[in-house]
Amino acid sequence: MVGAPEPGATTSYAPAPAPTSTQRGALWYQIDLSGEALRVRLRINAPPTSASFFLPGPWAGQDDFDDRIVVESTRGPAGALPMHLVREAGRIDVQAGDVAWLELTYRVRPPRAGEPDSRFHPRRTAGELFAYAPTIFVLPSEGLARQVRDIPVEVHTPRGWNVSATWPLHAATRLSARGDRQITGYLAENVRTLRDAFVLAGEDLPSRQLALDPGTLTVVQSPTMRFGIDELAGPSARIVRRFMARYGIYDNVVAAILPNDASAEGSELQGMGRRGGFVVQVPRHQQMGPELLLLMAHEALHMWNGHELVPAPEAEAETRWFKEGLTHYLALKALAQEGLVDRRTVLRELAAAARHYSQNPLARREAANDLDRARFPYDRGLLIALSLDVALSEASQGRVPLERWLEQLLKPHLRDTARAYDTALLERAFREICDDLGPLPIARFETLVRDGHPIDPRALFTELNLHWLSPSSGGPARLLPIDGETAAFDLLFESDDLR
């Protein structure tokens, strides 16, 4: 592999050091894009006599990633090793015996004709690859995975390709001995960070690297997009820099801007945050504007709220409003305070969320279709976030913004006791920031979050001196200042330049 593992935190909120029983560099991966196929080579040093590995499991609502894995060989220093693939269990059993190392080679095949192919599946063309890590990595059993850290990852590509990935870069790109390919080395802290990543490589990918002081941001864009990469680079840096100042430092952040497949998934804007980076996928004809900026800010904030902070599995459904709706609200607020969107855009987004919420059957505890169920946490969560922010602002005379809640949750004294949150942990952190603010914010939290009471958008907007014109005859909802007074609204959303 390129280089040797060195210790170092990925973020300012690094987990506690691994136990001394763990093995650094005992597991490594090589992603080979030098041929037509996407091929992966996995090696583990000092394996057990009987080793088990697992194919990619269900992720992002898809459950067929394992079907794309074609195992080619298992070998040790003396040659081939016996292997048994149990496809229905997603498991590979290897009889390693007493060998110094075990190597498993497999390829990720492209979709067959008529086979479903979502935006989450790897995309490999002659000149480009994009893949989310959970879709391409065969992983060792949980027992083995707990014992390894500092996992080297090599990406082999044809000479001249641009490679970006969200693992920390460990070694500069160099040419192979024969000079026909290039090798870029990364280092994943553990199996969790190995999976919580994406890789993008291609021969003609425009990219820009910007200093964040501290840290760097690399913006990579498909060459087929209508707008130029320089239109994205500046706003992206301002967004990420603002979030890092509040929530913690990443040494390197990668932002990937890719076209979506309109033929398969329509023309909507889509995205996903990962640890150390984010992806947005938009129509090729998409123009730069508030819609794209909001998607970028939302996915960027998921680096913290969604990856540094994660919900407990049993609490995922009840706290989804926090992961998605609160994220959307804080992204919108950050854009407004950076001066990247104007007041009209903010009012339009708030009014749209209120309209969707009020028209959703779930707001009335009625049966709903899949689309309504998927949308509800976003709209309800945004309105809860706005309501809590209003209560905090009023109780503290503007001293304690809602962002303080996320900062509190990221502090070690909360993350040490539970890396995964539930409603009880969210409430504990909220109470801590409200310690001397009186009863209003806590009462609001108990009503909307703990007790799950419905939200009255009209009453909420009145607190901001805004008049909500609910939608009629299919037209959009609107928000208008009452008597032109905007002080309460400006306290939350005014640009930093005007403060």
Protein backbone atom coordinates (compact mmCIF):
# COMPACT_ATOMS: atom_id res chain seq x y z
CA MET A 1 0.00 0.00 0.00
CA VAL A 2 0.98 3.64 -0.39
CA GLY A 3 2.73 4.81 2.77
CA ALA A 4 2.29 3.51 6.30
CA PRO A 5 -0.51 4.29 8.76
CA GLU A 6 0.01 7.32 10.98
CA PRO A 7 -2.21 8.33 13.91
CA GLY A 8 -4.40 11.39 13.58
CA ALA A 9 -7.97 12.56 14.16
CA THR A 10 -10.30 12.94 11.21
CA THR A 11 -12.36 15.63 12.93
CA SER A 12 -12.20 17.77 16.02
CA TYR A 13 -14.69 15.39 17.63
CA ALA A 14 -12.59 12.27 17.21
CA PRO A 15 -13.68 9.18 19.16
CA ALA A 16 -11.60 7.90 22.01
CA PRO A 17 -8.40 6.01 21.09
CA ALA A 18 -8.94 2.42 20.07
CA PRO A 19 -8.13 -0.34 22.57
CA THR A 20 -4.61 -1.70 22.43
CA SER A 21 -5.95 -5.04 21.11
CA THR A 22 -6.78 -3.48 17.75
CA GLN A 23 -4.49 -3.97 14.77
CA ARG A 24 -3.42 -0.98 12.71
CA GLY A 25 -3.17 -1.60 8.98
CA ALA A 26 -4.19 -5.27 9.31
CA LEU A 27 -6.98 -4.78 6.74
CA TRP A 28 -6.57 -2.95 3.45
CA TYR A 29 -8.39 -2.46 0.15
CA GLN A 30 -7.39 -1.75 -3.41
CA ILE A 31 -9.96 -0.29 -5.84
CA ASP A 32 -8.78 -0.92 -9.39
CA LEU A 33 -10.28 1.18 -12.19
CA SER A 34 -7.47 0.60 -14.68
CA GLY A 35 -9.54 -1.92 -16.66
CA GLU A 36 -13.14 -1.97 -17.86
CA ALA A 37 -14.51 -3.47 -14.64
CA LEU A 38 -14.62 -2.05 -11.12
CA ARG A 39 -12.40 -4.54 -9.31
CA VAL A 40 -11.63 -4.63 -5.57
CA ARG A 41 -8.88 -6.50 -3.77
CA LEU A 42 -9.15 -7.01 0.00
CA ARG A 43 -6.30 -8.27 2.15
CA ILE A 44 -6.31 -9.11 5.84
CA ASN A 45 -3.13 -9.97 7.73
CA ALA A 46 -2.98 -12.83 10.25
CA PRO A 47 -6.56 -14.00 9.56
CA PRO A 48 -8.31 -16.63 11.70
CA THR A 49 -8.19 -20.19 10.40
CA SER A 50 -11.83 -19.83 9.32
CA ALA A 51 -12.64 -16.30 8.15
CA SER A 52 -16.04 -14.92 7.15
CA PHE A 53 -16.74 -11.89 4.99
CA PHE A 54 -20.04 -10.25 4.13
CA LEU A 55 -21.36 -8.85 0.87
CA PRO A 56 -22.82 -5.32 0.82
CA GLY A 57 -26.10 -5.34 2.71
CA PRO A 58 -29.29 -3.26 2.36
CA TRP A 59 -28.61 0.47 2.33
CA ALA A 60 -30.45 3.64 1.29
CA GLY A 61 -33.63 1.69 0.65
CA GLN A 62 -31.94 -0.73 -1.79
CA ASP A 63 -31.30 -4.40 -1.06
CA ASP A 64 -29.63 -5.73 -4.20
CA PHE A 65 -26.05 -4.45 -3.92
CA ASP A 66 -24.88 -7.96 -3.00
CA ASP A 67 -26.19 -9.29 -6.33
CA ARG A 68 -23.62 -7.15 -8.16
CA ILE A 69 -20.61 -8.74 -6.42
CA VAL A 70 -18.75 -11.41 -8.43
CA VAL A 71 -16.09 -13.20 -6.38
CA GLU A 72 -13.04 -14.03 -8.51
CA SER A 73 -10.49 -15.56 -6.14
CA THR A 74 -9.37 -16.16 -2.57
CA ARG A 75 -5.69 -16.78 -1.99
CA GLY A 76 -2.86 -16.81 0.52
CA PRO A 77 0.94 -16.71 0.16
CA ALA A 78 1.00 -20.26 -1.26
CA GLY A 79 -1.90 -19.86 -3.68
CA ALA A 80 -5.66 -20.45 -3.78
CA LEU A 81 -7.65 -21.00 -0.57
CA PRO A 82 -10.95 -22.94 -0.25
CA MET A 83 -13.96 -20.61 -0.34
CA HIS A 84 -17.72 -21.08 -0.01
CA LEU A 85 -20.13 -18.32 -1.08
CA VAL A 86 -23.54 -18.46 0.63
CA ARG A 87 -25.33 -15.96 -1.59
CA GLU A 88 -28.68 -16.07 0.24
CA ALA A 89 -26.90 -15.19 3.51
CA GLY A 90 -24.59 -12.67 1.86
CA ARG A 91 -21.57 -14.45 3.35
CA ILE A 92 -18.22 -15.70 2.08
CA ASP A 93 -16.49 -18.36 4.20
CA VAL A 94 -12.78 -18.90 3.61
CA GLN A 95 -10.71 -21.74 5.07
CA ALA A 96 -7.48 -19.85 5.61
CA GLY A 97 -5.63 -22.28 7.84
CA ASP A 98 -2.38 -20.94 9.26
CA VAL A 99 -1.47 -18.27 6.69
CA ALA A 100 0.22 -14.90 7.11
CA TRP A 101 -2.39 -13.14 4.99
CA LEU A 102 -5.59 -13.75 3.05
CA GLU A 103 -6.55 -11.94 -0.13
CA LEU A 104 -10.05 -11.78 -1.64
CA THR A 105 -10.55 -10.37 -5.14
CA TYR A 106 -13.95 -9.52 -6.61
CA ARG A 107 -15.52 -7.25 -9.18
CA VAL A 108 -18.68 -5.14 -9.09
CA ARG A 109 -20.61 -5.94 -12.24
CA PRO A 110 -22.73 -3.37 -14.12
CA PRO A 111 -26.53 -3.72 -14.16
CA ARG A 112 -28.03 -6.23 -16.55
CA ALA A 113 -30.71 -5.23 -19.05
CA GLY A 114 -33.94 -4.46 -17.19
CA GLU A 115 -32.29 -4.63 -13.77
CA PRO A 116 -33.13 -1.76 -11.37
CA ASP A 117 -30.37 0.82 -11.16
CA SER A 118 -30.90 3.61 -8.63
CA ARG A 119 -28.78 6.68 -7.99
CA PHE A 120 -27.23 4.78 -5.08
CA HIS A 121 -25.74 2.04 -7.25
CA PRO A 122 -22.13 2.43 -8.46
CA ARG A 123 -21.80 4.14 -11.83
CA ARG A 124 -18.90 3.03 -14.00
CA THR A 125 -18.25 4.27 -17.53
CA ALA A 126 -15.15 4.17 -19.70
CA GLY A 127 -14.03 7.52 -18.34
CA GLU A 128 -15.58 7.85 -14.88
CA LEU A 129 -16.57 6.10 -11.65
CA PHE A 130 -18.81 7.23 -8.83
CA ALA A 131 -19.60 4.91 -5.92
CA TYR A 132 -20.86 5.10 -2.37
CA ALA A 133 -18.64 2.92 -0.19
CA PRO A 134 -21.45 0.75 1.30
CA THR A 135 -22.28 -0.52 -2.20
CA ILE A 136 -18.82 -1.80 -3.19
CA PHE A 137 -17.07 -3.10 -0.08
CA VAL A 138 -17.09 -6.69 1.10
CA LEU A 139 -16.42 -6.46 4.84
CA PRO A 140 -14.93 -8.84 7.40
CA SER A 141 -17.14 -10.29 10.10
CA GLU A 142 -18.03 -8.03 13.01
CA GLY A 143 -15.51 -9.74 15.26
CA LEU A 144 -12.69 -9.05 12.81
CA ALA A 145 -13.95 -5.55 12.02
CA ARG A 146 -13.76 -4.51 15.68
CA GLN A 147 -10.09 -5.46 15.78
CA VAL A 148 -8.83 -3.32 12.90
CA ARG A 149 -8.20 0.39 12.52
CA ASP A 150 -6.24 2.66 10.18
CA ILE A 151 -7.39 0.87 7.04
CA PRO A 152 -5.39 1.81 3.91
CA VAL A 153 -7.38 2.22 0.69
CA GLU A 154 -5.60 2.46 -2.66
CA VAL A 155 -7.39 3.73 -5.76
CA HIS A 156 -5.74 2.63 -9.02
CA THR A 157 -6.81 4.54 -12.14
CA PRO A 158 -5.56 5.15 -15.66
CA ARG A 159 -2.87 7.78 -15.87
CA GLY A 160 -4.17 11.35 -15.79
CA TRP A 161 -7.43 10.68 -13.95
CA ASN A 162 -8.67 12.99 -11.20
CA VAL A 163 -9.52 11.10 -7.98
CA SER A 164 -11.51 12.45 -5.02
CA ALA A 165 -12.72 10.53 -1.97
CA THR A 166 -13.91 11.42 1.51
CA TRP A 167 -11.37 9.28 3.36
CA PRO A 168 -8.40 11.28 4.63
CA LEU A 169 -5.73 11.46 1.93
CA HIS A 170 -2.68 9.55 3.10
CA ALA A 171 -0.27 9.68 0.18
CA ALA A 172 -0.01 11.88 -2.88
CA THR A 173 -0.93 10.36 -6.22
CA ARG A 174 2.02 8.58 -7.82
CA LEU A 175 2.60 6.54 -10.95
CA SER A 176 2.88 2.76 -10.89
CA ALA A 177 6.24 1.15 -11.59
CA ARG A 178 5.38 0.70 -15.28
CA GLY A 179 3.96 4.23 -15.53
CA ASP A 180 0.66 3.11 -17.10
CA ARG A 181 -1.54 3.82 -14.08
CA GLN A 182 -1.65 6.12 -11.09
CA ILE A 183 -2.18 5.23 -7.44
CA THR A 184 -3.79 7.43 -4.77
CA GLY A 185 -3.66 6.37 -1.12
CA TYR A 186 -6.24 7.04 1.61
CA LEU A 187 -6.58 5.95 5.23
CA ALA A 188 -9.91 5.12 6.89
CA GLU A 189 -9.91 5.27 10.68
CA ASN A 190 -12.05 2.15 11.11
CA VAL A 191 -14.68 0.09 9.31
CA ARG A 192 -17.39 2.63 10.12
CA THR A 193 -15.51 5.46 8.41
CA LEU A 194 -14.51 3.11 5.60
CA ARG A 195 -18.21 2.66 4.76
CA ASP A 196 -19.30 6.25 5.44
CA ALA A 197 -17.66 7.58 2.29
CA PHE A 198 -17.81 7.98 -1.47
CA VAL A 199 -15.24 7.97 -4.27
CA LEU A 200 -15.35 9.86 -7.57
CA ALA A 201 -12.74 9.41 -10.29
CA GLY A 202 -12.57 10.39 -13.94
CA GLU A 203 -10.37 11.56 -16.76
CA ASP A 204 -12.10 14.90 -17.31
CA LEU A 205 -13.49 16.08 -13.96
CA PRO A 206 -13.21 19.81 -13.27
CA SER A 207 -12.14 20.44 -9.67
CA ARG A 208 -11.17 23.31 -7.40
CA GLN A 209 -9.42 23.18 -4.04
CA LEU A 210 -10.08 25.99 -1.58
CA ALA A 211 -8.46 26.74 1.77
CA LEU A 212 -10.91 26.89 4.67
CA ASP A 213 -8.36 27.88 7.33
CA PRO A 214 -8.27 25.32 8.82
CA GLY A 215 -8.96 22.49 6.44
CA THR A 216 -9.52 22.36 2.71
CA LEU A 217 -12.54 21.93 0.46
CA THR A 218 -12.32 20.13 -2.87
CA VAL A 219 -15.23 20.76 -5.24
CA VAL A 220 -15.52 18.23 -8.07
CA GLN A 221 -18.08 18.51 -10.82
CA SER A 222 -19.22 16.46 -13.76
CA PRO A 223 -18.10 18.14 -17.01
CA THR A 224 -21.64 17.78 -18.37
CA MET A 225 -23.18 20.31 -15.96
CA ARG A 226 -24.47 23.55 -17.43
CA PHE A 227 -22.93 25.89 -14.87
CA GLY A 228 -19.20 26.39 -14.35
CA ILE A 229 -17.44 24.98 -11.32
CA ASP A 230 -16.34 28.44 -10.19
CA GLU A 231 -20.00 29.34 -9.64
CA LEU A 232 -20.11 26.55 -7.04
CA ALA A 233 -16.72 26.81 -5.40
CA GLY A 234 -17.12 30.13 -3.60
CA PRO A 235 -20.59 29.52 -2.11
CA SER A 236 -19.61 25.95 -1.16
CA ALA A 237 -16.58 27.21 0.75
CA ARG A 238 -18.62 29.83 2.61
CA ILE A 239 -21.22 27.24 3.63
CA VAL A 240 -18.71 24.64 4.84
CA ARG A 241 -16.53 27.24 6.58
CA ARG A 242 -19.55 28.51 8.51
CA PHE A 243 -20.56 25.04 9.63
CA MET A 244 -17.02 24.08 10.65
CA ALA A 245 -16.74 27.22 12.78
CA ARG A 246 -19.73 26.01 14.80
CA TYR A 247 -19.72 22.24 14.70
CA GLY A 248 -16.13 21.05 14.32
CA ILE A 249 -13.27 20.79 11.86
CA TYR A 250 -12.78 18.32 9.05
CA ASP A 251 -9.26 18.38 7.65
CA ASN A 252 -10.55 17.71 4.15
CA VAL A 253 -14.06 18.02 2.70
CA VAL A 254 -15.11 16.84 -0.76
CA ALA A 255 -18.20 18.23 -2.53
CA ALA A 256 -19.30 16.29 -5.63
CA ILE A 257 -21.78 17.81 -8.08
CA LEU A 258 -23.18 15.21 -10.47
CA PRO A 259 -26.02 14.88 -12.97
CA ASN A 260 -28.96 12.74 -11.99
CA ASP A 261 -30.46 10.22 -14.36
CA ALA A 262 -33.61 12.01 -15.48
CA SER A 263 -34.81 8.96 -17.38
CA ALA A 264 -34.82 6.90 -14.19
CA GLU A 265 -35.60 9.33 -11.41
CA GLY A 266 -37.13 12.46 -12.86
CA SER A 267 -35.74 15.96 -12.64
CA GLU A 268 -35.79 16.52 -8.89
CA LEU A 269 -32.70 17.59 -6.98
CA GLN A 270 -31.16 14.87 -4.85
CA GLY A 271 -28.23 14.57 -2.51
CA MET A 272 -26.52 12.74 0.31
CA GLY A 273 -24.12 13.79 3.04
CA ARG A 274 -21.27 11.53 4.10
CA ARG A 275 -18.53 11.79 6.71
CA GLY A 276 -16.13 14.35 5.26
CA GLY A 277 -18.13 15.26 2.18
CA PHE A 278 -21.43 15.50 0.37
CA VAL A 279 -22.97 14.75 -3.01
CA VAL A 280 -25.65 16.63 -4.91
CA GLN A 281 -27.22 15.21 -8.05
CA VAL A 282 -29.20 17.59 -10.24
CA PRO A 283 -30.47 17.79 -13.82
CA ARG A 284 -27.72 18.60 -16.32
CA HIS A 285 -29.52 21.82 -17.25
CA GLN A 286 -29.78 22.97 -13.60
CA GLN A 287 -28.79 26.59 -13.07
CA MET A 288 -27.11 28.05 -10.03
CA GLY A 289 -29.66 29.59 -7.68
CA PRO A 290 -31.37 29.27 -4.27
CA GLU A 291 -32.69 25.78 -4.97
CA LEU A 292 -29.22 24.34 -5.61
CA LEU A 293 -27.64 26.34 -2.78
CA LEU A 294 -30.18 25.02 -0.29
CA LEU A 295 -29.58 21.43 -1.39
CA MET A 296 -25.82 21.91 -1.02
CA ALA A 297 -26.15 23.46 2.44
CA HIS A 298 -28.55 20.73 3.59
CA GLU A 299 -26.23 17.92 2.49
CA ALA A 300 -23.15 19.69 3.86
CA LEU A 301 -24.76 19.99 7.30
CA HIS A 302 -25.41 16.24 7.26
CA MET A 303 -21.65 15.80 7.76
CA TRP A 304 -22.43 16.68 11.38
CA ASN A 305 -26.16 16.04 11.83
CA GLY A 306 -26.34 12.61 10.27
CA HIS A 307 -22.75 11.37 10.47
CA GLU A 308 -21.08 12.83 13.55
CA LEU A 309 -24.50 12.58 15.21
CA VAL A 310 -26.59 9.53 14.34
CA PRO A 311 -29.94 8.33 15.66
CA ALA A 312 -30.25 5.10 17.58
CA PRO A 313 -31.81 2.45 15.31
CA GLU A 314 -34.89 2.15 17.52
CA ALA A 315 -35.32 5.96 17.52
CA GLU A 316 -34.70 6.61 13.81
CA ALA A 317 -38.36 7.03 12.85
CA GLU A 318 -39.37 9.26 15.77
CA THR A 319 -36.30 11.50 15.43
CA ARG A 320 -36.20 11.76 11.64
CA TRP A 321 -37.65 15.25 11.93
CA PHE A 322 -34.42 16.24 13.72
CA LYS A 323 -32.10 14.70 11.15
CA GLU A 324 -33.93 16.10 8.12
CA GLY A 325 -36.26 18.94 9.10
CA LEU A 326 -33.95 20.66 11.57
CA THR A 327 -31.07 20.23 9.10
CA HIS A 328 -33.11 21.91 6.38
CA TYR A 329 -34.03 24.80 8.66
CA LEU A 330 -30.45 25.42 9.82
CA ALA A 331 -29.22 25.17 6.22
CA LEU A 332 -31.74 27.81 5.14
CA LYS A 333 -30.83 30.02 8.08
CA ALA A 334 -27.09 29.71 7.33
CA LEU A 335 -27.61 30.72 3.70
CA ALA A 336 -29.61 33.77 4.78
CA GLN A 337 -27.02 34.84 7.33
CA GLU A 338 -24.26 34.39 4.73
CA GLY A 339 -26.21 36.61 2.35
CA LEU A 340 -26.45 33.81 -0.22
CA VAL A 341 -30.27 33.89 -0.32
CA ASP A 342 -32.60 36.84 0.21
CA ARG A 343 -35.60 37.36 2.48
CA ARG A 344 -38.04 36.43 -0.25
CA THR A 345 -36.40 33.00 -0.63
CA VAL A 346 -36.55 32.36 3.12
CA LEU A 347 -40.22 33.35 3.30
CA ARG A 348 -41.02 31.16 0.31
CA GLU A 349 -39.34 28.11 1.88
CA LEU A 350 -41.06 28.60 5.23
CA ALA A 351 -44.44 29.07 3.56
CA ALA A 352 -43.94 25.99 1.39
CA ALA A 353 -43.10 23.84 4.42
CA ALA A 354 -46.21 25.10 6.23
CA ARG A 355 -48.36 24.39 3.18
CA HIS A 356 -47.06 20.84 2.76
CA TYR A 357 -47.41 20.20 6.49
CA SER A 358 -50.97 21.52 6.73
CA GLN A 359 -52.06 19.49 3.69
CA ASN A 360 -50.39 16.27 4.86
CA PRO A 361 -52.86 13.71 6.30
CA LEU A 362 -50.29 12.78 8.97
CA ALA A 363 -50.67 16.25 10.51
CA ARG A 364 -54.25 15.22 11.27
CA ARG A 365 -53.19 11.68 12.25
CA GLU A 366 -54.90 10.22 9.19
CA ALA A 367 -53.75 7.49 6.81
CA ALA A 368 -51.17 8.69 4.28
CA ASN A 369 -49.44 7.44 1.15
CA ASP A 370 -45.70 6.77 0.82
CA LEU A 371 -44.93 10.25 -0.54
CA ASP A 372 -46.72 11.96 2.34
CA ARG A 373 -44.94 9.75 4.88
CA ALA A 374 -41.55 10.51 3.32
CA ARG A 375 -42.16 14.26 3.20
CA PHE A 376 -43.71 14.71 6.65
CA PRO A 377 -40.51 14.68 8.80
CA TYR A 378 -38.97 17.40 6.62
CA ASP A 379 -41.89 19.82 6.88
CA ARG A 380 -42.82 19.06 10.48
CA GLY A 381 -39.15 19.19 11.48
CA LEU A 382 -38.57 22.55 9.83
CA LEU A 383 -41.58 24.03 11.63
CA ILE A 384 -40.52 22.53 14.97
CA ALA A 385 -37.03 23.97 14.47
CA LEU A 386 -38.44 27.41 13.65
CA SER A 387 -40.74 27.30 16.68
CA LEU A 388 -37.91 26.32 19.03
CA ASP A 389 -35.65 28.99 17.53
CA VAL A 390 -38.33 31.64 18.08
CA ALA A 391 -38.76 30.53 21.70
CA LEU A 392 -35.00 30.57 22.34
CA SER A 393 -34.62 33.97 20.72
CA GLU A 394 -37.44 35.48 22.76
CA ALA A 395 -36.27 33.97 26.05
CA SER A 396 -32.62 34.98 25.55
CA GLN A 397 -33.12 38.30 23.72
CA GLY A 398 -31.32 36.78 20.76
CA ARG A 399 -28.32 35.45 22.70
CA VAL A 400 -29.03 31.71 22.28
CA PRO A 401 -29.76 30.54 18.73
CA LEU A 402 -31.00 27.07 17.83
CA GLU A 403 -27.55 26.23 16.46
CA ARG A 404 -26.36 26.06 20.08
CA TRP A 405 -28.43 22.88 20.50
CA LEU A 406 -26.49 21.06 17.79
CA GLU A 407 -23.22 22.32 19.24
CA GLN A 408 -24.25 20.96 22.64
CA LEU A 409 -25.06 17.53 21.24
CA LEU A 410 -21.60 17.36 19.67
CA LYS A 411 -19.84 17.96 22.99
CA PRO A 412 -17.95 14.96 24.41
CA HIS A 413 -19.93 14.70 27.66
CA LEU A 414 -23.03 13.78 25.64
CA ARG A 415 -21.38 11.81 22.86
CA ASP A 416 -19.34 9.69 25.29
CA THR A 417 -22.49 8.36 26.94
CA ALA A 418 -24.36 7.67 23.70
CA ARG A 419 -22.97 8.12 20.21
CA ALA A 420 -26.49 7.47 18.92
CA TYR A 421 -29.24 9.81 20.07
CA ASP A 422 -32.89 9.34 20.92
CA THR A 423 -35.56 11.83 22.00
CA ALA A 424 -34.38 11.67 25.62
CA LEU A 425 -30.82 12.68 24.67
CA LEU A 426 -32.13 15.46 22.42
CA GLU A 427 -34.17 16.77 25.35
CA ARG A 428 -31.22 16.57 27.74
CA ALA A 429 -29.05 18.68 25.43
CA PHE A 430 -31.87 21.17 24.85
CA ARG A 431 -32.42 21.59 28.59
CA GLU A 432 -28.72 22.26 29.06
CA ILE A 433 -28.76 25.25 26.68
CA CYS A 434 -31.95 26.55 28.34
CA ASP A 435 -30.56 26.44 31.87
CA ASP A 436 -31.23 30.13 32.66
CA LEU A 437 -33.80 31.04 30.00
CA GLY A 438 -37.05 30.52 31.87
CA PRO A 439 -39.88 28.09 31.08
CA LEU A 440 -40.83 29.07 27.50
CA PRO A 441 -38.30 27.05 25.42
CA ILE A 442 -38.66 23.90 27.54
CA ALA A 443 -42.45 24.10 27.44
CA ARG A 444 -42.29 24.47 23.66
CA PHE A 445 -40.01 21.41 23.39
CA GLU A 446 -42.26 19.31 25.59
CA THR A 447 -45.36 20.27 23.60
CA LEU A 448 -44.00 19.77 20.09
CA VAL A 449 -41.32 17.11 20.50
CA ARG A 450 -41.95 15.03 23.59
CA ASP A 451 -45.76 15.11 23.39
CA GLY A 452 -45.98 15.40 19.59
CA HIS A 453 -48.75 18.00 19.49
CA PRO A 454 -49.77 19.35 16.06
CA ILE A 455 -48.25 22.64 14.90
CA ASP A 456 -50.38 25.69 14.11
CA PRO A 457 -48.46 27.43 11.29
CA ARG A 458 -50.56 30.58 11.45
CA ALA A 459 -49.91 31.07 15.17
CA LEU A 460 -46.22 30.30 14.71
CA PHE A 461 -45.77 32.87 11.95
CA THR A 462 -47.67 35.46 13.97
CA GLU A 463 -44.89 35.24 16.56
CA LEU A 464 -42.56 36.51 13.81
CA ASN A 465 -45.06 39.23 12.88
CA LEU A 466 -45.80 37.41 9.63
CA HIS A 467 -49.21 36.90 8.07
CA TRP A 468 -49.66 33.48 6.47
CA LEU A 469 -51.82 33.43 3.38
CA SER A 470 -52.74 29.77 3.12
CA PRO A 471 -52.89 28.25 -0.37
CA SER A 472 -56.12 28.56 -2.31
CA SER A 473 -57.18 27.31 -5.73
CA GLY A 474 -53.90 25.45 -6.10
CA GLY A 475 -51.77 28.59 -5.67
CA PRO A 476 -48.72 28.79 -3.39
CA ALA A 477 -48.85 29.81 0.25
CA ARG A 478 -47.35 33.21 1.06
CA LEU A 479 -45.90 35.00 4.06
CA LEU A 480 -46.16 38.78 4.40
CA PRO A 481 -44.84 41.06 7.17
CA ILE A 482 -47.61 42.58 9.27
CA ASP A 483 -47.47 46.39 8.99
CA GLY A 484 -44.02 46.04 7.41
CA GLU A 485 -42.44 45.14 10.76
CA THR A 486 -39.67 42.51 10.39
CA ALA A 487 -37.57 42.87 13.56
CA ALA A 488 -38.41 39.43 14.98
CA PHE A 489 -37.78 37.76 11.63
CA ASP A 490 -34.54 39.67 11.06
CA LEU A 491 -33.22 38.63 14.46
CA LEU A 492 -33.14 35.05 13.14
CA PHE A 493 -32.43 35.44 9.43
CA GLU A 494 -30.73 38.77 8.80
CA SER A 495 -27.46 38.65 6.88
CA ASP A 496 -24.31 38.98 8.97
CA ASP A 497 -23.33 41.97 6.81
CA LEU A 498 -26.38 43.89 8.05
CA ARG A 499 -26.01 43.16 11.75
